[in-house]
Amino acid sequence: MNTATRLFAVSTLTALFAFSAHADEADGSERALNFNSTRSAAEVRAEAQMPARITNRGTGFIGVTGSAVSRAAVKAQAAAAVRSGQISQGEIGLM
C-alpha cells in the first residue's frame, strides 16, 4: 500500500468512527423522560413502602417452619457425619 491509500483508509475509518460516536443509545434512554403517568406520586410512594408479597412463583424467605429437632441436635449430627466421612468439611468437596 502506498501512502495515499493508507491515508485514505485512515481517514475513511476516522469518519466512520466519528459517525458511530454520535449514535443514539441502544436501550432507548433518550426517551426515558417522555412518559405520562396515570398514578400520582403519593400512590407510587405508598406502594414502594409496602413489603413485596411473595407467592409460590416468587423467591425469598417464606417463613420459619416448625421442626422437632433442636439446633444443637442438628449441629451434633453434622459433626458426627463429618467425623465419619459421610460429608466433606469446608469448601473443598465434590462439585
Foldseek 3Di string as FASTA:
>chain_A
DDPVVVVVVVVVVVVVVVVVVPDDDPVPVVCVPPDDDPDDPVVVVVVVPDDDDADPPGDDDDDDDDDPDDPVRVVVVVVVCCVVVVDDDDDDDDD
